[in-house]
Amino acid sequence: MKEFIQYLYKGDFPAALAVFSAVAIRIVFAVLLWWVGRRVIRKLLSLIERGLTVRQQKGMDSGLAKFLLSLCRVGMYTVLFVLLFELLGLPITSVATILGSAGLAIGLALQGSLSNFAGGVLILLTKPFRVGDYIVASGLEGTVKDIGICYTRLLTPDNRTVIMPNGSLANSNLVNVSAEPERRVDLAVPISYDDDIRSVRAMLLELAEADERVLKNKTAEVLVKEFGDSSVNLVFRCWVKKENYWPVYFSMMEEIRYAMKERGFTIPFPQLDVTLAGSDDKKTEV
């Protein structure tokens, strides 16, 4: 374009026309390349998406599939833009320098977002959890509904949506509750010092045996945990499928309460013996 203006200024119209024709031809070819390139990219992305869909059916994480598709799209369009710059005769080194400087400035301004992006890539590659898992992290918990590049979306048991940055998820302690197919239910059962531990143990094991949701291939246990101020504290352990954890937990607590009442066992409550000085009564229970 600079040469075209110089030739016009000098009055050399044939040379200016030749320069203009060359530039026009480049522009036409650039438009044609853009038109063809976009359609080729769309076709390739469609094929890649189909392949990733097949991989998802075989177990690939949906978040990883979305990330790979986005990465392919960015890479293909980057190659197309480089070809367009070359065809138009634009200096690639200058454009790369400008883009690099702009990228550095944007990176400094978006450090938190870049950290979340890196955390998202790390999560998708290492797979500490998947969509559908129940996780506990940073004091929050819920079922993973979506794993994005920068944020992960959880659904809490009371139907609230929690948006968590991937940077904090990738760099903090995280509990994947549903990673294993089976879970152990631990129930605290306090009994009176007057109750027979062996009889209570037999009763609890009968409850575990009677519940079809309790796994029979793993042994249920009733152990003495500690001697409390007003009770002997037992721990009742049994194994269930992960989806039955809370149903068994709540129903077993109710069954234990009624079974202890029916068999004459006592669930004690805190008591305090107070001795009053100068009183005929030695002790008063409060």
Protein backbone atom coordinates (compact mmCIF):
# COMPACT_ATOMS: atom_id res chain seq x y z
CA MET A 1 0.00 0.00 0.00
CA LYS A 2 2.91 2.37 0.70
CA GLU A 3 4.37 1.72 -2.74
CA PHE A 4 0.97 2.32 -4.34
CA ILE A 5 0.70 5.76 -2.70
CA GLN A 6 4.28 6.65 -3.72
CA TYR A 7 3.63 5.77 -7.39
CA LEU A 8 0.40 7.79 -7.35
CA TYR A 9 2.27 10.76 -5.89
CA LYS A 10 4.91 10.53 -8.59
CA GLY A 11 2.24 10.19 -11.29
CA ASP A 12 3.40 6.75 -12.37
CA PHE A 13 -0.08 5.33 -12.88
CA PRO A 14 0.93 2.08 -14.68
CA ALA A 15 3.22 1.12 -11.78
CA ALA A 16 0.53 2.10 -9.26
CA LEU A 17 -2.00 0.01 -11.16
CA ALA A 18 0.38 -2.97 -11.17
CA VAL A 19 0.88 -2.68 -7.41
CA PHE A 20 -2.87 -2.32 -6.87
CA SER A 21 -3.55 -5.37 -9.03
CA ALA A 22 -1.05 -7.45 -7.08
CA VAL A 23 -2.57 -6.37 -3.76
CA ALA A 24 -6.11 -6.98 -5.06
CA ILE A 25 -5.14 -10.47 -6.19
CA ARG A 26 -3.69 -11.21 -2.75
CA ILE A 27 -6.85 -9.93 -1.07
CA VAL A 28 -9.03 -12.08 -3.35
CA PHE A 29 -6.93 -15.16 -2.59
CA ALA A 30 -7.01 -14.30 1.13
CA VAL A 31 -10.81 -14.09 1.08
CA LEU A 32 -10.97 -17.37 -0.83
CA LEU A 33 -8.56 -18.98 1.66
CA TRP A 34 -10.67 -17.72 4.57
CA TRP A 35 -13.87 -19.06 2.97
CA VAL A 36 -12.39 -22.48 2.20
CA GLY A 37 -10.41 -22.67 5.44
CA ARG A 38 -13.45 -22.06 7.64
CA ARG A 39 -15.39 -24.82 5.94
CA VAL A 40 -12.48 -27.25 6.18
CA ILE A 41 -12.08 -26.43 9.88
CA ARG A 42 -15.78 -26.96 10.52
CA LYS A 43 -15.64 -30.32 8.77
CA LEU A 44 -12.57 -31.40 10.72
CA LEU A 45 -14.06 -30.25 14.02
CA SER A 46 -17.23 -32.20 13.23
CA LEU A 47 -15.18 -35.35 12.66
CA ILE A 48 -13.18 -34.76 15.86
CA GLU A 49 -16.39 -34.19 17.84
CA ARG A 50 -17.81 -37.48 16.57
CA GLY A 51 -14.64 -39.28 17.56
CA LEU A 52 -14.71 -37.71 21.02
CA THR A 53 -18.38 -38.68 21.41
CA VAL A 54 -17.43 -42.29 20.75
CA ARG A 55 -14.61 -41.99 23.28
CA GLN A 56 -17.05 -40.58 25.86
CA GLN A 57 -19.26 -43.61 25.40
CA LYS A 58 -16.21 -45.73 26.23
CA GLY A 59 -15.47 -43.80 29.41
CA MET A 60 -13.75 -40.54 28.46
CA ASP A 61 -14.66 -37.63 30.73
CA SER A 62 -17.01 -35.12 29.07
CA GLY A 63 -15.02 -32.16 30.43
CA LEU A 64 -11.81 -33.49 28.85
CA ALA A 65 -13.64 -33.97 25.53
CA LYS A 66 -14.83 -30.35 25.54
CA PHE A 67 -11.34 -29.12 26.37
CA LEU A 68 -9.72 -31.12 23.54
CA LEU A 69 -12.34 -29.88 21.07
CA SER A 70 -11.72 -26.26 22.09
CA LEU A 71 -7.95 -26.79 21.85
CA CYS A 72 -8.29 -28.18 18.31
CA ARG A 73 -10.49 -25.25 17.28
CA VAL A 74 -8.00 -22.68 18.58
CA GLY A 75 -5.07 -24.48 16.94
CA MET A 76 -6.75 -24.74 13.53
CA TYR A 77 -7.81 -21.10 13.44
CA THR A 78 -4.31 -20.05 14.52
CA VAL A 79 -2.82 -21.89 11.54
CA LEU A 80 -5.41 -20.31 9.25
CA PHE A 81 -4.58 -16.80 10.45
CA VAL A 82 -0.84 -17.42 9.99
CA LEU A 83 -1.48 -18.51 6.38
CA LEU A 84 -3.60 -15.40 5.77
CA PHE A 85 -0.84 -13.14 7.11
CA GLU A 86 1.71 -14.82 4.87
CA LEU A 87 -0.55 -14.53 1.82
CA LEU A 88 -1.17 -10.83 2.44
CA GLY A 89 2.54 -10.23 2.91
CA LEU A 90 2.25 -9.07 6.50
CA PRO A 91 5.40 -9.47 8.64
CA ILE A 92 4.77 -12.47 10.88
CA THR A 93 7.55 -11.54 13.32
CA SER A 94 6.03 -8.12 14.00
CA VAL A 95 2.57 -9.61 14.50
CA ALA A 96 4.02 -12.26 16.82
CA THR A 97 5.81 -9.58 18.84
CA ILE A 98 2.63 -7.55 19.19
CA LEU A 99 0.61 -10.61 20.18
CA GLY A 100 3.29 -11.66 22.66
CA SER A 101 3.30 -8.24 24.32
CA ALA A 102 -0.49 -8.19 24.42
CA GLY A 103 -0.51 -11.71 25.85
CA LEU A 104 1.91 -10.73 28.60
CA ALA A 105 -0.19 -7.71 29.57
CA ILE A 106 -3.38 -9.75 29.55
CA GLY A 107 -1.67 -12.50 31.56
CA LEU A 108 -0.59 -10.07 34.28
CA ALA A 109 -4.11 -8.65 34.44
CA LEU A 110 -5.76 -12.07 34.58
CA GLN A 111 -3.47 -14.02 36.90
CA GLY A 112 -6.40 -15.52 38.83
CA SER A 113 -8.18 -16.61 35.67
CA LEU A 114 -4.99 -18.15 34.28
CA SER A 115 -4.55 -20.03 37.55
CA ASN A 116 -8.09 -21.36 37.19
CA PHE A 117 -7.37 -22.31 33.58
CA ALA A 118 -4.24 -24.21 34.59
CA GLY A 119 -6.18 -25.87 37.41
CA GLY A 120 -8.89 -26.91 34.94
CA VAL A 121 -6.33 -28.48 32.60
CA LEU A 122 -4.74 -30.30 35.56
CA ILE A 123 -8.13 -31.61 36.75
CA LEU A 124 -9.07 -32.82 33.28
CA LEU A 125 -5.74 -34.62 32.88
CA THR A 126 -5.32 -36.13 36.35
CA LYS A 127 -9.07 -36.76 36.92
CA PRO A 128 -9.31 -36.52 40.74
CA PHE A 129 -13.07 -36.48 40.20
CA ARG A 130 -15.57 -36.87 37.36
CA VAL A 131 -18.99 -35.52 36.51
CA GLY A 132 -21.47 -37.21 38.85
CA ASP A 133 -19.02 -37.69 41.75
CA TYR A 134 -19.83 -36.30 45.21
CA ILE A 135 -16.89 -34.25 46.51
CA VAL A 136 -16.00 -32.22 49.58
CA ALA A 137 -13.53 -29.34 49.15
CA SER A 138 -12.83 -26.00 50.86
CA GLY A 139 -15.74 -26.46 53.25
CA LEU A 140 -18.22 -27.03 50.39
CA GLU A 141 -19.70 -30.27 49.11
CA GLY A 142 -22.00 -31.49 46.40
CA THR A 143 -22.40 -33.54 43.23
CA VAL A 144 -20.21 -32.46 40.30
CA LYS A 145 -22.51 -31.33 37.48
CA ASP A 146 -19.98 -29.77 35.11
CA ILE A 147 -16.18 -29.41 34.86
CA GLY A 148 -15.28 -26.32 32.84
CA ILE A 149 -11.90 -24.96 31.88
CA CYS A 150 -11.94 -22.33 34.65
CA TYR A 151 -14.77 -23.34 36.99
CA THR A 152 -16.45 -26.48 38.32
CA ARG A 153 -20.16 -26.49 39.12
CA LEU A 154 -21.52 -28.46 42.10
CA LEU A 155 -25.10 -29.22 43.09
CA THR A 156 -25.59 -29.39 46.86
CA PRO A 157 -27.99 -31.88 48.52
CA ASP A 158 -30.46 -29.02 49.16
CA ASN A 159 -30.44 -28.15 45.42
CA ARG A 160 -28.12 -25.14 45.44
CA THR A 161 -25.56 -24.56 42.69
CA VAL A 162 -21.98 -23.84 43.81
CA ILE A 163 -19.42 -22.45 41.37
CA MET A 164 -15.87 -23.32 42.47
CA PRO A 165 -12.68 -22.01 40.78
CA ASN A 166 -10.50 -24.80 39.44
CA GLY A 167 -7.36 -23.13 40.79
CA SER A 168 -8.46 -23.70 44.39
CA LEU A 169 -9.72 -27.22 43.63
CA ALA A 170 -6.42 -28.24 42.06
CA ASN A 171 -4.34 -26.85 44.95
CA SER A 172 -6.34 -27.83 48.04
CA ASN A 173 -7.29 -30.98 49.90
CA LEU A 174 -10.25 -32.68 48.26
CA VAL A 175 -12.36 -35.67 49.28
CA ASN A 176 -14.02 -37.69 46.54
CA VAL A 177 -16.79 -39.38 48.50
CA SER A 178 -18.08 -41.50 45.64
CA ALA A 179 -14.77 -42.62 44.15
CA GLU A 180 -15.15 -46.12 45.61
CA PRO A 181 -18.23 -48.31 45.02
CA GLU A 182 -18.65 -49.16 48.73
CA ARG A 183 -18.69 -47.06 51.91
CA ARG A 184 -18.61 -47.83 55.61
CA VAL A 185 -21.40 -46.49 57.81
CA ASP A 186 -20.14 -45.52 61.29
CA LEU A 187 -22.82 -45.01 63.95
CA ALA A 188 -22.17 -43.84 67.50
CA VAL A 189 -24.30 -45.80 70.00
CA PRO A 190 -24.11 -44.72 73.68
CA ILE A 191 -25.37 -47.22 76.27
CA SER A 192 -25.75 -47.18 80.02
CA TYR A 193 -23.03 -48.58 82.28
CA ASP A 194 -25.70 -50.97 83.59
CA ASP A 195 -26.37 -52.47 80.12
CA ASP A 196 -24.58 -55.61 78.97
CA ILE A 197 -22.22 -54.77 76.08
CA ARG A 198 -22.42 -58.27 74.60
CA SER A 199 -26.22 -58.18 74.47
CA VAL A 200 -26.23 -54.76 72.80
CA ARG A 201 -23.62 -56.01 70.32
CA ALA A 202 -25.78 -58.99 69.42
CA MET A 203 -28.81 -56.73 68.91
CA LEU A 204 -26.93 -54.38 66.58
CA LEU A 205 -25.52 -57.23 64.52
CA GLU A 206 -29.05 -58.61 64.15
CA LEU A 207 -30.17 -55.24 62.75
CA ALA A 208 -27.32 -55.31 60.24
CA GLU A 209 -28.18 -58.86 59.21
CA ALA A 210 -31.85 -57.98 58.73
CA ASP A 211 -31.20 -54.99 56.44
CA GLU A 212 -30.84 -56.14 52.82
CA ARG A 213 -28.89 -52.99 51.90
CA VAL A 214 -26.05 -53.89 54.28
CA LEU A 215 -23.35 -55.86 52.45
CA LYS A 216 -23.00 -59.37 53.77
CA ASN A 217 -19.57 -60.02 52.21
CA LYS A 218 -18.01 -57.64 54.74
CA THR A 219 -18.28 -58.15 58.47
CA ALA A 220 -20.28 -55.68 60.56
CA GLU A 221 -18.57 -54.63 63.80
CA VAL A 222 -19.60 -53.28 67.20
CA LEU A 223 -16.64 -51.93 69.16
CA VAL A 224 -16.20 -50.09 72.44
CA LYS A 225 -14.92 -46.64 71.55
CA GLU A 226 -14.62 -44.99 74.97
CA PHE A 227 -15.96 -44.74 78.50
CA GLY A 228 -17.80 -41.45 78.70
CA ASP A 229 -18.93 -39.44 81.69
CA SER A 230 -22.40 -40.99 81.68
CA SER A 231 -22.28 -43.71 79.03
CA VAL A 232 -20.25 -46.42 77.39
CA ASN A 233 -19.84 -45.23 73.81
CA LEU A 234 -19.95 -47.93 71.17
CA VAL A 235 -19.30 -47.60 67.44
CA PHE A 236 -21.41 -49.67 65.06
CA ARG A 237 -19.85 -50.23 61.61
CA CYS A 238 -21.33 -51.82 58.51
CA TRP A 239 -20.67 -51.61 54.77
CA VAL A 240 -23.10 -50.53 52.05
CA LYS A 241 -23.12 -49.49 48.40
CA LYS A 242 -22.24 -45.81 48.08
CA GLU A 243 -25.74 -44.89 46.88
CA ASN A 244 -27.25 -46.48 50.01
CA TYR A 245 -25.05 -44.68 52.53
CA TRP A 246 -27.48 -42.00 53.72
CA PRO A 247 -30.66 -44.13 53.47
CA VAL A 248 -29.03 -46.82 55.64
CA TYR A 249 -27.56 -44.24 58.02
CA PHE A 250 -30.89 -42.57 58.79
CA SER A 251 -33.02 -45.72 58.86
CA MET A 252 -30.51 -47.58 61.05
CA MET A 253 -30.48 -44.77 63.60
CA GLU A 254 -34.25 -45.08 63.92
CA GLU A 255 -34.13 -48.87 64.12
CA ILE A 256 -31.50 -48.72 66.88
CA ARG A 257 -33.65 -46.36 68.95
CA TYR A 258 -36.74 -48.59 68.83
CA ALA A 259 -34.77 -51.84 69.27
CA MET A 260 -33.04 -50.55 72.41
CA LYS A 261 -36.35 -49.43 73.87
CA GLU A 262 -38.01 -52.77 73.14
CA ARG A 263 -35.17 -54.78 74.74
CA GLY A 264 -34.85 -52.58 77.80
CA PHE A 265 -31.53 -50.96 77.00
CA THR A 266 -30.95 -47.36 77.95
CA ILE A 267 -29.64 -44.45 75.92
CA PRO A 268 -28.26 -42.35 78.79
CA PHE A 269 -28.25 -38.58 79.02
CA PRO A 270 -25.71 -36.50 80.96
CA GLN A 271 -26.20 -36.48 84.74
CA LEU A 272 -24.40 -34.60 87.47
CA ASP A 273 -24.18 -35.59 91.15
CA VAL A 274 -23.99 -32.54 93.44
CA THR A 275 -23.16 -32.79 97.18
CA LEU A 276 -24.57 -29.93 99.28
CA ALA A 277 -22.44 -29.01 102.29
CA GLY A 278 -24.34 -29.00 105.61
CA SER A 279 -27.30 -30.88 104.15
CA ASP A 280 -28.70 -34.19 105.31
CA ASP A 281 -28.97 -35.28 101.70
CA LYS A 282 -25.64 -36.64 100.61
CA LYS A 283 -26.24 -36.25 96.88
CA THR A 284 -28.69 -34.51 94.59
CA GLU A 285 -29.03 -35.57 90.99
CA VAL A 286 -29.30 -32.79 88.44
